[in-house]
Amino acid sequence: MKCVICKHGETQQGFTTVTLEKNGATIIFKHVPAHVCDNCGEKYVDGEVTAEVLKKAQEIVSNGVQIDIREYQSAA
């Protein structure tokens, strides 16, 4: 897909790190699948992956964790 930020690059399959902060907690997911622009490096995470990351983050926060760093693993 064409990058919506730089308007010049095309995205390629790759990975990114997602950092979320909520209620004083910081949750980091490493190696999250993403589309990465070959020109500017902008990263796009699919809606399905985003929903999964947010669900996992909510579970982590609800368990009282303040800081968590983990490798992303798909539930599928």
PDB file of N, CA and C in Angstrom:
ATOM      1  N   MET A   1       0.843  -1.179   0.000  1.00  0.00           N
ATOM      2  CA  MET A   1       0.000   0.000   0.000  1.00  0.00           C
ATOM      3  C   MET A   1       0.890   1.245   0.000  1.00  0.00           C
ATOM      4  N   LYS A   2       0.367   2.332  -0.523  1.00  0.00           N
ATOM      5  CA  LYS A   2       1.089   3.600  -0.567  1.00  0.00           C
ATOM      6  C   LYS A   2       1.077   4.225   0.836  1.00  0.00           C
ATOM      7  N   CYS A   3       2.215   4.742   1.262  1.00  0.00           N
ATOM      8  CA  CYS A   3       2.326   5.373   2.584  1.00  0.00           C
ATOM      9  C   CYS A   3       1.511   6.662   2.615  1.00  0.00           C
ATOM     10  N   VAL A   4       0.665   6.808   3.633  1.00  0.00           N
ATOM     11  CA  VAL A   4      -0.150   8.016   3.740  1.00  0.00           C
ATOM     12  C   VAL A   4       0.618   9.175   4.363  1.00  0.00           C
ATOM     13  N   ILE A   5       1.769   8.922   4.935  1.00  0.00           N
ATOM     14  CA  ILE A   5       2.572   9.987   5.542  1.00  0.00           C
ATOM     15  C   ILE A   5       3.455  10.667   4.505  1.00  0.00           C
ATOM     16  N   CYS A   6       4.320   9.911   3.843  1.00  0.00           N
ATOM     17  CA  CYS A   6       5.259  10.529   2.895  1.00  0.00           C
ATOM     18  C   CYS A   6       4.712  10.579   1.470  1.00  0.00           C
ATOM     19  N   LYS A   7       3.693   9.765   1.177  1.00  0.00           N
ATOM     20  CA  LYS A   7       3.055   9.714  -0.146  1.00  0.00           C
ATOM     21  C   LYS A   7       3.964   9.175  -1.259  1.00  0.00           C
ATOM     22  N   HIS A   8       5.170   8.723  -0.919  1.00  0.00           N
ATOM     23  CA  HIS A   8       6.098   8.233  -1.930  1.00  0.00           C
ATOM     24  C   HIS A   8       6.407   6.757  -1.790  1.00  0.00           C
ATOM     25  N   GLY A   9       6.504   6.285  -0.580  1.00  0.00           N
ATOM     26  CA  GLY A   9       6.935   4.907  -0.341  1.00  0.00           C
ATOM     27  C   GLY A   9       5.812   3.899  -0.432  1.00  0.00           C
ATOM     28  N   GLU A  10       6.213   2.649  -0.569  1.00  0.00           N
ATOM     29  CA  GLU A  10       5.305   1.509  -0.512  1.00  0.00           C
ATOM     30  C   GLU A  10       5.608   0.746   0.767  1.00  0.00           C
ATOM     31  N   THR A  11       4.589   0.159   1.360  1.00  0.00           N
ATOM     32  CA  THR A  11       4.811  -0.578   2.597  1.00  0.00           C
ATOM     33  C   THR A  11       5.165  -2.031   2.297  1.00  0.00           C
ATOM     34  N   GLN A  12       6.005  -2.565   3.158  1.00  0.00           N
ATOM     35  CA  GLN A  12       6.451  -3.956   3.090  1.00  0.00           C
ATOM     36  C   GLN A  12       6.162  -4.609   4.437  1.00  0.00           C
ATOM     37  N   GLN A  13       5.983  -5.928   4.428  1.00  0.00           N
ATOM     38  CA  GLN A  13       5.794  -6.643   5.691  1.00  0.00           C
ATOM     39  C   GLN A  13       7.042  -6.481   6.552  1.00  0.00           C
ATOM     40  N   GLY A  14       6.825  -6.202   7.827  1.00  0.00           N
ATOM     41  CA  GLY A  14       7.924  -6.061   8.765  1.00  0.00           C
ATOM     42  C   GLY A  14       7.404  -6.151  10.188  1.00  0.00           C
ATOM     43  N   PHE A  15       8.129  -5.537  11.100  1.00  0.00           N
ATOM     44  CA  PHE A  15       7.766  -5.597  12.514  1.00  0.00           C
ATOM     45  C   PHE A  15       8.005  -4.242  13.164  1.00  0.00           C
ATOM     46  N   THR A  16       7.339  -4.024  14.292  1.00  0.00           N
ATOM     47  CA  THR A  16       7.520  -2.805  15.061  1.00  0.00           C
ATOM     48  C   THR A  16       7.397  -3.118  16.544  1.00  0.00           C
ATOM     49  N   THR A  17       7.713  -2.146  17.367  1.00  0.00           N
ATOM     50  CA  THR A  17       7.507  -2.230  18.810  1.00  0.00           C
ATOM     51  C   THR A  17       6.363  -1.298  19.162  1.00  0.00           C
ATOM     52  N   VAL A  18       5.410  -1.791  19.943  1.00  0.00           N
ATOM     53  CA  VAL A  18       4.253  -0.993  20.354  1.00  0.00           C
ATOM     54  C   VAL A  18       4.364  -0.729  21.849  1.00  0.00           C
ATOM     55  N   THR A  19       4.318   0.548  22.222  1.00  0.00           N
ATOM     56  CA  THR A  19       4.358   0.946  23.629  1.00  0.00           C
ATOM     57  C   THR A  19       3.019   1.572  23.996  1.00  0.00           C
ATOM     58  N   LEU A  20       2.404   1.068  25.050  1.00  0.00           N
ATOM     59  CA  LEU A  20       1.116   1.570  25.518  1.00  0.00           C
ATOM     60  C   LEU A  20       1.240   2.008  26.970  1.00  0.00           C
ATOM     61  N   GLU A  21       0.577   3.108  27.299  1.00  0.00           N
ATOM     62  CA  GLU A  21       0.537   3.576  28.679  1.00  0.00           C
ATOM     63  C   GLU A  21      -0.912   3.765  29.070  1.00  0.00           C
ATOM     64  N   LYS A  22      -1.274   3.223  30.242  1.00  0.00           N
ATOM     65  CA  LYS A  22      -2.645   3.353  30.731  1.00  0.00           C
ATOM     66  C   LYS A  22      -2.655   3.254  32.248  1.00  0.00           C
ATOM     67  N   ASN A  23      -3.325   4.189  32.873  1.00  0.00           N
ATOM     68  CA  ASN A  23      -3.481   4.186  34.331  1.00  0.00           C
ATOM     69  C   ASN A  23      -2.150   4.008  35.052  1.00  0.00           C
ATOM     70  N   GLY A  24      -1.108   4.654  34.560  1.00  0.00           N
ATOM     71  CA  GLY A  24       0.201   4.576  35.198  1.00  0.00           C
ATOM     72  C   GLY A  24       1.009   3.350  34.838  1.00  0.00           C
ATOM     73  N   ALA A  25       0.455   2.460  34.021  1.00  0.00           N
ATOM     74  CA  ALA A  25       1.176   1.248  33.602  1.00  0.00           C
ATOM     75  C   ALA A  25       1.775   1.481  32.221  1.00  0.00           C
ATOM     76  N   THR A  26       2.929   0.869  31.977  1.00  0.00           N
ATOM     77  CA  THR A  26       3.580   0.917  30.672  1.00  0.00           C
ATOM     78  C   THR A  26       3.743  -0.522  30.185  1.00  0.00           C
ATOM     79  N   ILE A  27       3.155  -0.788  29.015  1.00  0.00           N
ATOM     80  CA  ILE A  27       3.190  -2.128  28.433  1.00  0.00           C
ATOM     81  C   ILE A  27       3.876  -2.026  27.071  1.00  0.00           C
ATOM     82  N   ILE A  28       4.879  -2.870  26.840  1.00  0.00           N
ATOM     83  CA  ILE A  28       5.624  -2.850  25.582  1.00  0.00           C
ATOM     84  C   ILE A  28       5.519  -4.223  24.925  1.00  0.00           C
ATOM     85  N   PHE A  29       5.112  -4.223  23.665  1.00  0.00           N
ATOM     86  CA  PHE A  29       5.070  -5.434  22.857  1.00  0.00           C
ATOM     87  C   PHE A  29       6.128  -5.302  21.771  1.00  0.00           C
ATOM     88  N   LYS A  30       7.064  -6.240  21.733  1.00  0.00           N
ATOM     89  CA  LYS A  30       8.126  -6.234  20.737  1.00  0.00           C
ATOM     90  C   LYS A  30       7.781  -7.200  19.612  1.00  0.00           C
ATOM     91  N   HIS A  31       8.293  -6.920  18.418  1.00  0.00           N
ATOM     92  CA  HIS A  31       8.168  -7.805  17.267  1.00  0.00           C
ATOM     93  C   HIS A  31       6.709  -7.965  16.828  1.00  0.00           C
ATOM     94  N   VAL A  32       5.970  -6.838  16.790  1.00  0.00           N
ATOM     95  CA  VAL A  32       4.574  -6.836  16.357  1.00  0.00           C
ATOM     96  C   VAL A  32       4.542  -6.743  14.826  1.00  0.00           C
ATOM     97  N   PRO A  33       3.793  -7.617  14.147  1.00  0.00           N
ATOM     98  CA  PRO A  33       3.711  -7.550  12.690  1.00  0.00           C
ATOM     99  C   PRO A  33       3.146  -6.196  12.247  1.00  0.00           C
ATOM    100  N   ALA A  34       3.761  -5.624  11.221  1.00  0.00           N
ATOM    101  CA  ALA A  34       3.333  -4.317  10.728  1.00  0.00           C
ATOM    102  C   ALA A  34       3.714  -4.165   9.266  1.00  0.00           C
ATOM    103  N   HIS A  35       3.108  -3.183   8.623  1.00  0.00           N
ATOM    104  CA  HIS A  35       3.509  -2.772   7.283  1.00  0.00           C
ATOM    105  C   HIS A  35       4.423  -1.576   7.489  1.00  0.00           C
ATOM    106  N   VAL A  36       5.619  -1.616   6.907  1.00  0.00           N
ATOM    107  CA  VAL A  36       6.627  -0.580   7.120  1.00  0.00           C
ATOM    108  C   VAL A  36       6.927   0.103   5.786  1.00  0.00           C
ATOM    109  N   CYS A  37       6.856   1.439   5.761  1.00  0.00           N
ATOM    110  CA  CYS A  37       7.142   2.199   4.552  1.00  0.00           C
ATOM    111  C   CYS A  37       8.623   2.074   4.197  1.00  0.00           C
ATOM    112  N   ASP A  38       8.881   1.752   2.930  1.00  0.00           N
ATOM    113  CA  ASP A  38      10.269   1.600   2.490  1.00  0.00           C
ATOM    114  C   ASP A  38      10.959   2.947   2.248  1.00  0.00           C
ATOM    115  N   ASN A  39      10.219   4.044   2.342  1.00  0.00           N
ATOM    116  CA  ASN A  39      10.803   5.365   2.144  1.00  0.00           C
ATOM    117  C   ASN A  39      11.048   6.093   3.471  1.00  0.00           C
ATOM    118  N   CYS A  40      10.003   6.222   4.290  1.00  0.00           N
ATOM    119  CA  CYS A  40      10.127   7.028   5.520  1.00  0.00           C
ATOM    120  C   CYS A  40      10.158   6.196   6.801  1.00  0.00           C
ATOM    121  N   GLY A  41       9.820   4.901   6.710  1.00  0.00           N
ATOM    122  CA  GLY A  41       9.862   4.044   7.894  1.00  0.00           C
ATOM    123  C   GLY A  41       8.599   4.053   8.729  1.00  0.00           C
ATOM    124  N   GLU A  42       7.574   4.798   8.319  1.00  0.00           N
ATOM    125  CA  GLU A  42       6.303   4.801   9.057  1.00  0.00           C
ATOM    126  C   GLU A  42       5.777   3.377   9.134  1.00  0.00           C
ATOM    127  N   LYS A  43       5.174   3.033  10.290  1.00  0.00           N
ATOM    128  CA  LYS A  43       4.702   1.670  10.514  1.00  0.00           C
ATOM    129  C   LYS A  43       3.192   1.673  10.705  1.00  0.00           C
ATOM    130  N   TYR A  44       2.541   0.692  10.105  1.00  0.00           N
ATOM    131  CA  TYR A  44       1.094   0.535  10.192  1.00  0.00           C
ATOM    132  C   TYR A  44       0.785  -0.851  10.718  1.00  0.00           C
ATOM    133  N   VAL A  45      -0.022  -0.921  11.783  1.00  0.00           N
ATOM    134  CA  VAL A  45      -0.416  -2.202  12.369  1.00  0.00           C
ATOM    135  C   VAL A  45      -1.863  -2.463  11.974  1.00  0.00           C
ATOM    136  N   ASP A  46      -2.150  -3.669  11.462  1.00  0.00           N
ATOM    137  CA  ASP A  46      -3.504  -4.036  11.054  1.00  0.00           C
ATOM    138  C   ASP A  46      -4.485  -3.948  12.220  1.00  0.00           C
ATOM    139  N   GLY A  47      -5.740  -3.731  11.910  1.00  0.00           N
ATOM    140  CA  GLY A  47      -6.786  -3.627  12.919  1.00  0.00           C
ATOM    141  C   GLY A  47      -6.915  -4.853  13.792  1.00  0.00           C
ATOM    142  N   GLU A  48      -6.786  -6.028  13.190  1.00  0.00           N
ATOM    143  CA  GLU A  48      -6.897  -7.281  13.951  1.00  0.00           C
ATOM    144  C   GLU A  48      -5.767  -7.399  14.970  1.00  0.00           C
ATOM    145  N   VAL A  49      -4.555  -7.068  14.549  1.00  0.00           N
ATOM    146  CA  VAL A  49      -3.397  -7.127  15.450  1.00  0.00           C
ATOM    147  C   VAL A  49      -3.541  -6.060  16.539  1.00  0.00           C
ATOM    148  N   THR A  50      -3.996  -4.876  16.162  1.00  0.00           N
ATOM    149  CA  THR A  50      -4.208  -3.802  17.138  1.00  0.00           C
ATOM    150  C   THR A  50      -5.201  -4.233  18.207  1.00  0.00           C
ATOM    151  N   ALA A  51      -6.315  -4.835  17.801  1.00  0.00           N
ATOM    152  CA  ALA A  51      -7.325  -5.300  18.760  1.00  0.00           C
ATOM    153  C   ALA A  51      -6.739  -6.335  19.706  1.00  0.00           C
ATOM    154  N   GLU A  52      -5.923  -7.225  19.167  1.00  0.00           N
ATOM    155  CA  GLU A  52      -5.292  -8.265  19.991  1.00  0.00           C
ATOM    156  C   GLU A  52      -4.321  -7.653  21.008  1.00  0.00           C
ATOM    157  N   VAL A  53      -3.506  -6.696  20.561  1.00  0.00           N
ATOM    158  CA  VAL A  53      -2.553  -6.029  21.448  1.00  0.00           C
ATOM    159  C   VAL A  53      -3.295  -5.281  22.563  1.00  0.00           C
ATOM    160  N   LEU A  54      -4.353  -4.573  22.205  1.00  0.00           N
ATOM    161  CA  LEU A  54      -5.115  -3.820  23.211  1.00  0.00           C
ATOM    162  C   LEU A  54      -5.783  -4.751  24.224  1.00  0.00           C
ATOM    163  N   LYS A  55      -6.301  -5.879  23.756  1.00  0.00           N
ATOM    164  CA  LYS A  55      -6.930  -6.849  24.656  1.00  0.00           C
ATOM    165  C   LYS A  55      -5.900  -7.417  25.636  1.00  0.00           C
ATOM    166  N   LYS A  56      -4.724  -7.803  25.106  1.00  0.00           N
ATOM    167  CA  LYS A  56      -3.667  -8.333  25.976  1.00  0.00           C
ATOM    168  C   LYS A  56      -3.208  -7.278  26.979  1.00  0.00           C
ATOM    169  N   ALA A  57      -3.083  -6.037  26.528  1.00  0.00           N
ATOM    170  CA  ALA A  57      -2.647  -4.959  27.416  1.00  0.00           C
ATOM    171  C   ALA A  57      -3.664  -4.756  28.541  1.00  0.00           C
ATOM    172  N   GLN A  58      -4.942  -4.806  28.214  1.00  0.00           N
ATOM    173  CA  GLN A  58      -5.984  -4.637  29.231  1.00  0.00           C
ATOM    174  C   GLN A  58      -5.901  -5.742  30.273  1.00  0.00           C
ATOM    175  N   GLU A  59      -5.667  -6.965  29.830  1.00  0.00           N
ATOM    176  CA  GLU A  59      -5.527  -8.093  30.764  1.00  0.00           C
ATOM    177  C   GLU A  59      -4.324  -7.885  31.678  1.00  0.00           C
ATOM    178  N   ILE A  60      -3.223  -7.425  31.120  1.00  0.00           N
ATOM    179  CA  ILE A  60      -2.012  -7.185  31.898  1.00  0.00           C
ATOM    180  C   ILE A  60      -2.269  -6.119  32.960  1.00  0.00           C
ATOM    181  N   VAL A  61      -2.875  -4.997  32.551  1.00  0.00           N
ATOM    182  CA  VAL A  61      -3.156  -3.888  33.473  1.00  0.00           C
ATOM    183  C   VAL A  61      -4.139  -4.326  34.552  1.00  0.00           C
ATOM    184  N   SER A  62      -5.152  -5.118  34.179  1.00  0.00           N
ATOM    185  CA  SER A  62      -6.149  -5.550  35.164  1.00  0.00           C
ATOM    186  C   SER A  62      -5.555  -6.487  36.215  1.00  0.00           C
ATOM    187  N   ASN A  63      -4.397  -7.089  35.904  1.00  0.00           N
ATOM    188  CA  ASN A  63      -3.699  -7.932  36.879  1.00  0.00           C
ATOM    189  C   ASN A  63      -2.786  -7.129  37.796  1.00  0.00           C
ATOM    190  N   GLY A  64      -2.791  -5.806  37.631  1.00  0.00           N
ATOM    191  CA  GLY A  64      -2.026  -4.951  38.528  1.00  0.00           C
ATOM    192  C   GLY A  64      -0.577  -4.728  38.120  1.00  0.00           C
ATOM    193  N   VAL A  65      -0.201  -5.145  36.930  1.00  0.00           N
ATOM    194  CA  VAL A  65       1.174  -4.976  36.460  1.00  0.00           C
ATOM    195  C   VAL A  65       1.417  -3.513  36.114  1.00  0.00           C
ATOM    196  N   GLN A  66       2.554  -2.984  36.517  1.00  0.00           N
ATOM    197  CA  GLN A  66       2.896  -1.596  36.229  1.00  0.00           C
ATOM    198  C   GLN A  66       3.799  -1.463  35.008  1.00  0.00           C
ATOM    199  N   ILE A  67       4.727  -2.402  34.841  1.00  0.00           N
ATOM    200  CA  ILE A  67       5.637  -2.397  33.701  1.00  0.00           C
ATOM    201  C   ILE A  67       5.728  -3.815  33.161  1.00  0.00           C
ATOM    202  N   ASP A  68       5.556  -3.948  31.839  1.00  0.00           N
ATOM    203  CA  ASP A  68       5.612  -5.272  31.234  1.00  0.00           C
ATOM    204  C   ASP A  68       6.218  -5.131  29.842  1.00  0.00           C
ATOM    205  N   ILE A  69       7.206  -5.961  29.539  1.00  0.00           N
ATOM    206  CA  ILE A  69       7.809  -6.012  28.208  1.00  0.00           C
ATOM    207  C   ILE A  69       7.722  -7.455  27.749  1.00  0.00           C
ATOM    208  N   ARG A  70       7.107  -7.646  26.595  1.00  0.00           N
ATOM    209  CA  ARG A  70       6.973  -9.018  26.111  1.00  0.00           C
ATOM    210  C   ARG A  70       7.043  -9.100  24.596  1.00  0.00           C
ATOM    211  N   GLU A  71       7.401 -10.266  24.130  1.00  0.00           N
ATOM    212  CA  GLU A  71       7.418 -10.560  22.694  1.00  0.00           C
ATOM    213  C   GLU A  71       5.971 -10.801  22.268  1.00  0.00           C
ATOM    214  N   TYR A  72       5.568 -10.158  21.190  1.00  0.00           N
ATOM    215  CA  TYR A  72       4.212 -10.345  20.674  1.00  0.00           C
ATOM    216  C   TYR A  72       4.039 -11.779  20.180  1.00  0.00           C
ATOM    217  N   GLN A  73       2.920 -12.387  20.546  1.00  0.00           N
ATOM    218  CA  GLN A  73       2.562 -13.706  20.047  1.00  0.00           C
ATOM    219  C   GLN A  73       1.083 -13.687  19.705  1.00  0.00           C
ATOM    220  N   SER A  74       0.765 -14.046  18.491  1.00  0.00           N
ATOM    221  CA  SER A  74      -0.611 -14.051  18.043  1.00  0.00           C
ATOM    222  C   SER A  74      -1.400 -15.112  18.798  1.00  0.00           C
ATOM    223  N   ALA A  75      -2.661 -14.796  19.075  1.00  0.00           N
ATOM    224  CA  ALA A  75      -3.526 -15.756  19.767  1.00  0.00           C
ATOM    225  C   ALA A  75      -3.958 -16.882  18.840  1.00  0.00           C
ATOM    226  N   ALA A  76      -3.831 -16.669  17.536  1.00  0.00           N
ATOM    227  CA  ALA A  76      -4.270 -17.677  16.555  1.00  0.00           C
ATOM    228  C   ALA A  76      -3.329 -18.846  16.452  1.00  0.00           C
TER     229      ALA A  76
END
